Amino acid sequence: MEEQKQTPSTTTPTPAGEEATNAAAQPAENAAVEDVAAQLAALEAKARENYELYVRAVAEGENIRRRAQEDVTKAHKFAIENFADNLLPVMDSLQAALADGSGDIAKLREGVELTARQLAAAFERGKIVELNPVGEKFDPHRHQAISMVPSEQEPNTVVNVLQRGYTIADRVLRPALVTVSAPK
């Protein structure tokens, strides 16, 4: 007869105290895993919330940039609107003068003077200042010299203005065309 060989078992007997410790450790490990999973879920929810806030902030920033760009475009487009509105009465006066067929030179002159005052008022409201530099020292930033003439005045002094200049908000719109005194 054949003898049966017994193979030793690979399991080692464990004392009764160790089994109780392993059984108690199992629920503690499960609780720790559940705590970590709950923390992970909470952090993922917070991350989604922060991402949504980020996306909204980026969209709001883009909307603000776009609206600001539109405002700048409108400001450039309609910046002259107020000044043009101030010039309309001047145009009305000029058209009335052209339509006048009376031939009265005195009335025509009076109308032109009134129109010139309206234009000066429109310039004032538009912050346009006239340059009439007679007697001032020549300034190449504000004046354009056409010629030099002998004069009793100090050299490089404006003697005559051929065409008035204008500034707008301290910036030269058109330099004054002038003649300047020459050194003797």
C-alpha atoms as a PDB file:
ATOM      1  CA  MET A   1       0.000   0.000   0.000  1.00  0.00           C
ATOM      2  CA  GLU A   2       1.028   3.383  -0.621  1.00  0.00           C
ATOM      3  CA  GLU A   3       1.799   5.626   2.112  1.00  0.00           C
ATOM      4  CA  GLN A   4       0.221   8.977   2.089  1.00  0.00           C
ATOM      5  CA  LYS A   5       2.515  11.750   2.670  1.00  0.00           C
ATOM      6  CA  GLN A   6       1.290  14.568   4.711  1.00  0.00           C
ATOM      7  CA  THR A   7       2.390  17.978   3.718  1.00  0.00           C
ATOM      8  CA  PRO A   8       2.846  20.403   6.469  1.00  0.00           C
ATOM      9  CA  SER A   9       0.319  23.211   6.472  1.00  0.00           C
ATOM     10  CA  THR A  10       1.592  26.653   5.551  1.00  0.00           C
ATOM     11  CA  THR A  11      -0.580  28.354   8.046  1.00  0.00           C
ATOM     12  CA  THR A  12       0.878  28.839  11.381  1.00  0.00           C
ATOM     13  CA  PRO A  13      -1.280  28.642  14.353  1.00  0.00           C
ATOM     14  CA  THR A  14      -1.989  32.041  15.898  1.00  0.00           C
ATOM     15  CA  PRO A  15      -2.613  32.574  19.484  1.00  0.00           C
ATOM     16  CA  ALA A  16      -6.144  33.627  20.411  1.00  0.00           C
ATOM     17  CA  GLY A  17      -5.077  37.144  21.472  1.00  0.00           C
ATOM     18  CA  GLU A  18      -3.663  38.014  18.067  1.00  0.00           C
ATOM     19  CA  GLU A  19      -6.878  37.101  16.280  1.00  0.00           C
ATOM     20  CA  ALA A  20      -8.784  39.454  18.513  1.00  0.00           C
ATOM     21  CA  THR A  21      -6.303  42.261  17.806  1.00  0.00           C
ATOM     22  CA  ASN A  22      -6.570  41.737  14.016  1.00  0.00           C
ATOM     23  CA  ALA A  23     -10.361  41.739  14.254  1.00  0.00           C
ATOM     24  CA  ALA A  24     -10.298  45.003  16.219  1.00  0.00           C
ATOM     25  CA  ALA A  25      -7.780  46.603  13.815  1.00  0.00           C
ATOM     26  CA  GLN A  26      -9.933  45.808  10.782  1.00  0.00           C
ATOM     27  CA  PRO A  27     -12.804  48.200  11.711  1.00  0.00           C
ATOM     28  CA  ALA A  28     -10.289  50.899  12.714  1.00  0.00           C
ATOM     29  CA  GLU A  29      -8.610  50.635   9.305  1.00  0.00           C
ATOM     30  CA  ASN A  30     -11.991  50.805   7.570  1.00  0.00           C
ATOM     31  CA  ALA A  31     -12.904  53.907   9.588  1.00  0.00           C
ATOM     32  CA  ALA A  32      -9.593  55.590   8.692  1.00  0.00           C
ATOM     33  CA  VAL A  33     -10.090  54.762   5.010  1.00  0.00           C
ATOM     34  CA  GLU A  34     -13.628  56.150   5.163  1.00  0.00           C
ATOM     35  CA  ASP A  35     -12.339  59.337   6.852  1.00  0.00           C
ATOM     36  CA  VAL A  36      -9.717  59.807   4.166  1.00  0.00           C
ATOM     37  CA  ALA A  37     -12.312  59.161   1.445  1.00  0.00           C
ATOM     38  CA  ALA A  38     -14.672  61.710   3.030  1.00  0.00           C
ATOM     39  CA  GLN A  39     -11.847  64.269   3.264  1.00  0.00           C
ATOM     40  CA  LEU A  40     -10.916  63.592  -0.361  1.00  0.00           C
ATOM     41  CA  ALA A  41     -14.533  64.058  -1.475  1.00  0.00           C
ATOM     42  CA  ALA A  42     -14.780  67.332   0.481  1.00  0.00           C
ATOM     43  CA  LEU A  43     -11.535  68.611  -1.014  1.00  0.00           C
ATOM     44  CA  GLU A  44     -12.637  67.646  -4.533  1.00  0.00           C
ATOM     45  CA  ALA A  45     -15.922  69.532  -4.000  1.00  0.00           C
ATOM     46  CA  LYS A  46     -13.995  72.559  -2.751  1.00  0.00           C
ATOM     47  CA  ALA A  47     -11.652  72.338  -5.772  1.00  0.00           C
ATOM     48  CA  ARG A  48     -14.658  72.251  -8.153  1.00  0.00           C
ATOM     49  CA  GLU A  49     -16.168  75.252  -6.370  1.00  0.00           C
ATOM     50  CA  ASN A  50     -12.879  77.175  -6.607  1.00  0.00           C
ATOM     51  CA  TYR A  51     -12.536  76.279 -10.287  1.00  0.00           C
ATOM     52  CA  GLU A  52     -16.062  77.576 -10.978  1.00  0.00           C
ATOM     53  CA  LEU A  53     -15.216  80.800  -9.142  1.00  0.00           C
ATOM     54  CA  TYR A  54     -12.003  81.088 -11.171  1.00  0.00           C
ATOM     55  CA  VAL A  55     -13.842  80.586 -14.478  1.00  0.00           C
ATOM     56  CA  ARG A  56     -16.427  83.211 -13.497  1.00  0.00           C
ATOM     57  CA  ALA A  57     -13.703  85.670 -12.472  1.00  0.00           C
ATOM     58  CA  VAL A  58     -11.884  85.178 -15.780  1.00  0.00           C
ATOM     59  CA  ALA A  59     -15.136  85.703 -17.698  1.00  0.00           C
ATOM     60  CA  GLU A  60     -15.952  88.819 -15.672  1.00  0.00           C
ATOM     61  CA  GLY A  61     -12.461  90.211 -16.272  1.00  0.00           C
ATOM     62  CA  GLU A  62     -12.859  89.601 -19.996  1.00  0.00           C
ATOM     63  CA  ASN A  63     -16.255  91.350 -19.981  1.00  0.00           C
ATOM     64  CA  ILE A  64     -14.788  94.343 -18.141  1.00  0.00           C
ATOM     65  CA  ARG A  65     -11.896  94.545 -20.634  1.00  0.00           C
ATOM     66  CA  ARG A  66     -14.308  94.337 -23.579  1.00  0.00           C
ATOM     67  CA  ARG A  67     -16.638  97.017 -22.142  1.00  0.00           C
ATOM     68  CA  ALA A  68     -13.676  99.308 -21.423  1.00  0.00           C
ATOM     69  CA  GLN A  69     -12.452  98.860 -25.001  1.00  0.00           C
ATOM     70  CA  GLU A  70     -15.932  99.722 -26.305  1.00  0.00           C
ATOM     71  CA  ASP A  71     -16.004 102.823 -24.078  1.00  0.00           C
ATOM     72  CA  VAL A  72     -12.631 103.970 -25.416  1.00  0.00           C
ATOM     73  CA  THR A  73     -13.793 103.397 -28.993  1.00  0.00           C
ATOM     74  CA  LYS A  74     -16.976 105.409 -28.360  1.00  0.00           C
ATOM     75  CA  ALA A  75     -14.989 108.171 -26.645  1.00  0.00           C
ATOM     76  CA  HIS A  76     -12.718 108.471 -29.697  1.00  0.00           C
ATOM     77  CA  LYS A  77     -15.643 108.346 -32.080  1.00  0.00           C
ATOM     78  CA  PHE A  78     -17.793 110.919 -30.288  1.00  0.00           C
ATOM     79  CA  ALA A  79     -15.144 113.126 -28.635  1.00  0.00           C
ATOM     80  CA  ILE A  80     -15.781 115.954 -31.062  1.00  0.00           C
ATOM     81  CA  GLU A  81     -19.569 115.798 -30.639  1.00  0.00           C
ATOM     82  CA  ASN A  82     -19.673 118.523 -27.961  1.00  0.00           C
ATOM     83  CA  PHE A  83     -17.446 120.860 -29.970  1.00  0.00           C
ATOM     84  CA  ALA A  84     -19.458 120.234 -33.134  1.00  0.00           C
ATOM     85  CA  ASP A  85     -22.617 121.077 -31.188  1.00  0.00           C
ATOM     86  CA  ASN A  86     -21.023 124.427 -30.238  1.00  0.00           C
ATOM     87  CA  LEU A  87     -20.243 125.145 -33.910  1.00  0.00           C
ATOM     88  CA  LEU A  88     -23.789 124.624 -35.194  1.00  0.00           C
ATOM     89  CA  PRO A  89     -24.973 128.173 -34.266  1.00  0.00           C
ATOM     90  CA  VAL A  90     -21.971 129.575 -36.143  1.00  0.00           C
ATOM     91  CA  MET A  91     -22.996 127.636 -39.253  1.00  0.00           C
ATOM     92  CA  ASP A  92     -26.583 128.867 -38.850  1.00  0.00           C
ATOM     93  CA  SER A  93     -25.383 132.472 -38.694  1.00  0.00           C
ATOM     94  CA  LEU A  94     -23.178 132.053 -41.777  1.00  0.00           C
ATOM     95  CA  GLN A  95     -26.048 130.518 -43.749  1.00  0.00           C
ATOM     96  CA  ALA A  96     -28.357 133.356 -42.688  1.00  0.00           C
ATOM     97  CA  ALA A  97     -25.756 135.878 -43.893  1.00  0.00           C
ATOM     98  CA  LEU A  98     -25.494 134.110 -47.252  1.00  0.00           C
ATOM     99  CA  ALA A  99     -29.273 134.044 -47.610  1.00  0.00           C
ATOM    100  CA  ASP A 100     -29.572 137.791 -46.910  1.00  0.00           C
ATOM    101  CA  GLY A 101     -30.289 139.617 -50.117  1.00  0.00           C
ATOM    102  CA  SER A 102     -30.794 143.120 -48.705  1.00  0.00           C
ATOM    103  CA  GLY A 103     -27.356 144.378 -49.756  1.00  0.00           C
ATOM    104  CA  ASP A 104     -26.984 146.421 -46.554  1.00  0.00           C
ATOM    105  CA  ILE A 105     -23.234 146.304 -45.836  1.00  0.00           C
ATOM    106  CA  ALA A 106     -23.659 147.629 -42.276  1.00  0.00           C
ATOM    107  CA  LYS A 107     -26.043 144.770 -41.401  1.00  0.00           C
ATOM    108  CA  LEU A 108     -23.778 142.249 -43.083  1.00  0.00           C
ATOM    109  CA  ARG A 109     -20.803 143.528 -41.082  1.00  0.00           C
ATOM    110  CA  GLU A 110     -22.811 143.360 -37.865  1.00  0.00           C
ATOM    111  CA  GLY A 111     -23.806 139.760 -38.703  1.00  0.00           C
ATOM    112  CA  VAL A 112     -20.199 138.779 -39.383  1.00  0.00           C
ATOM    113  CA  GLU A 113     -19.117 140.327 -36.059  1.00  0.00           C
ATOM    114  CA  LEU A 114     -21.860 138.391 -34.263  1.00  0.00           C
ATOM    115  CA  THR A 115     -20.770 135.199 -36.011  1.00  0.00           C
ATOM    116  CA  ALA A 116     -17.135 135.838 -35.010  1.00  0.00           C
ATOM    117  CA  ARG A 117     -18.248 136.230 -31.364  1.00  0.00           C
ATOM    118  CA  GLN A 118     -20.212 132.964 -31.595  1.00  0.00           C
ATOM    119  CA  LEU A 119     -17.141 131.226 -32.975  1.00  0.00           C
ATOM    120  CA  ALA A 120     -14.923 132.691 -30.222  1.00  0.00           C
ATOM    121  CA  ALA A 121     -17.439 131.422 -27.616  1.00  0.00           C
ATOM    122  CA  ALA A 122     -17.414 127.964 -29.231  1.00  0.00           C
ATOM    123  CA  PHE A 123     -13.600 127.980 -29.136  1.00  0.00           C
ATOM    124  CA  GLU A 124     -13.657 128.985 -25.471  1.00  0.00           C
ATOM    125  CA  ARG A 125     -16.053 126.150 -24.577  1.00  0.00           C
ATOM    126  CA  GLY A 126     -13.812 123.773 -26.553  1.00  0.00           C
ATOM    127  CA  LYS A 127     -10.702 125.034 -24.659  1.00  0.00           C
ATOM    128  CA  ILE A 128      -9.174 126.417 -27.861  1.00  0.00           C
ATOM    129  CA  VAL A 129      -6.994 129.434 -27.089  1.00  0.00           C
ATOM    130  CA  GLU A 130      -5.800 131.911 -29.693  1.00  0.00           C
ATOM    131  CA  LEU A 131      -2.075 132.706 -29.944  1.00  0.00           C
ATOM    132  CA  ASN A 132      -1.396 136.377 -30.701  1.00  0.00           C
ATOM    133  CA  PRO A 133       2.274 136.671 -29.704  1.00  0.00           C
ATOM    134  CA  VAL A 134       3.111 140.246 -30.780  1.00  0.00           C
ATOM    135  CA  GLY A 135       5.921 141.518 -28.529  1.00  0.00           C
ATOM    136  CA  GLU A 136       6.701 138.050 -27.116  1.00  0.00           C
ATOM    137  CA  LYS A 137      10.007 136.242 -27.442  1.00  0.00           C
ATOM    138  CA  PHE A 138      10.018 133.846 -30.406  1.00  0.00           C
ATOM    139  CA  ASP A 139       9.177 130.275 -29.312  1.00  0.00           C
ATOM    140  CA  PRO A 140       9.727 127.655 -32.052  1.00  0.00           C
ATOM    141  CA  HIS A 141       7.275 125.324 -30.301  1.00  0.00           C
ATOM    142  CA  ARG A 142       4.410 127.838 -30.573  1.00  0.00           C
ATOM    143  CA  HIS A 143       5.437 130.098 -33.468  1.00  0.00           C
ATOM    144  CA  GLN A 144       6.554 129.599 -37.035  1.00  0.00           C
ATOM    145  CA  ALA A 145       8.821 132.362 -38.309  1.00  0.00           C
ATOM    146  CA  ILE A 146       8.220 133.379 -41.916  1.00  0.00           C
ATOM    147  CA  SER A 147      10.850 136.101 -42.075  1.00  0.00           C
ATOM    148  CA  MET A 148      13.118 138.350 -40.050  1.00  0.00           C
ATOM    149  CA  VAL A 149      12.829 142.127 -40.262  1.00  0.00           C
ATOM    150  CA  PRO A 150      15.027 144.883 -38.858  1.00  0.00           C
ATOM    151  CA  SER A 151      13.377 146.361 -35.791  1.00  0.00           C
ATOM    152  CA  GLU A 152      14.032 148.483 -32.734  1.00  0.00           C
ATOM    153  CA  GLN A 153      12.891 145.585 -30.555  1.00  0.00           C
ATOM    154  CA  GLU A 154      15.158 143.025 -28.956  1.00  0.00           C
ATOM    155  CA  PRO A 155      16.359 140.350 -31.445  1.00  0.00           C
ATOM    156  CA  ASN A 156      14.120 137.264 -31.837  1.00  0.00           C
ATOM    157  CA  THR A 157      11.003 139.106 -30.701  1.00  0.00           C
ATOM    158  CA  VAL A 158       7.725 138.646 -32.585  1.00  0.00           C
ATOM    159  CA  VAL A 159       7.069 141.854 -34.542  1.00  0.00           C
ATOM    160  CA  ASN A 160       4.013 140.930 -36.605  1.00  0.00           C
ATOM    161  CA  VAL A 161       1.505 138.048 -36.710  1.00  0.00           C
ATOM    162  CA  LEU A 162       0.537 137.004 -40.223  1.00  0.00           C
ATOM    163  CA  GLN A 163      -1.756 134.166 -39.126  1.00  0.00           C
ATOM    164  CA  ARG A 164      -2.901 133.550 -35.563  1.00  0.00           C
ATOM    165  CA  GLY A 165      -2.060 130.262 -33.937  1.00  0.00           C
ATOM    166  CA  TYR A 166      -4.209 128.165 -31.618  1.00  0.00           C
ATOM    167  CA  THR A 167      -3.671 125.805 -28.716  1.00  0.00           C
ATOM    168  CA  ILE A 168      -6.019 123.245 -27.291  1.00  0.00           C
ATOM    169  CA  ALA A 169      -5.435 122.256 -23.664  1.00  0.00           C
ATOM    170  CA  ASP A 170      -1.882 123.716 -23.795  1.00  0.00           C
ATOM    171  CA  ARG A 171      -1.048 121.728 -26.918  1.00  0.00           C
ATOM    172  CA  VAL A 172      -0.323 123.606 -30.134  1.00  0.00           C
ATOM    173  CA  LEU A 173      -3.088 123.021 -32.626  1.00  0.00           C
ATOM    174  CA  ARG A 174      -1.542 125.388 -35.168  1.00  0.00           C
ATOM    175  CA  PRO A 175       1.537 127.581 -34.656  1.00  0.00           C
ATOM    176  CA  ALA A 176       1.255 131.309 -35.244  1.00  0.00           C
ATOM    177  CA  LEU A 177       2.904 132.504 -38.487  1.00  0.00           C
ATOM    178  CA  VAL A 178       5.063 135.448 -37.467  1.00  0.00           C
ATOM    179  CA  THR A 179       7.807 137.815 -38.499  1.00  0.00           C
ATOM    180  CA  VAL A 180      10.645 138.152 -36.033  1.00  0.00           C
ATOM    181  CA  SER A 181      12.991 141.045 -35.286  1.00  0.00           C
ATOM    182  CA  ALA A 182      16.477 140.599 -36.698  1.00  0.00           C
ATOM    183  CA  PRO A 183      19.622 141.414 -34.776  1.00  0.00           C
ATOM    184  CA  LYS A 184      21.190 144.713 -35.841  1.00  0.00           C
END
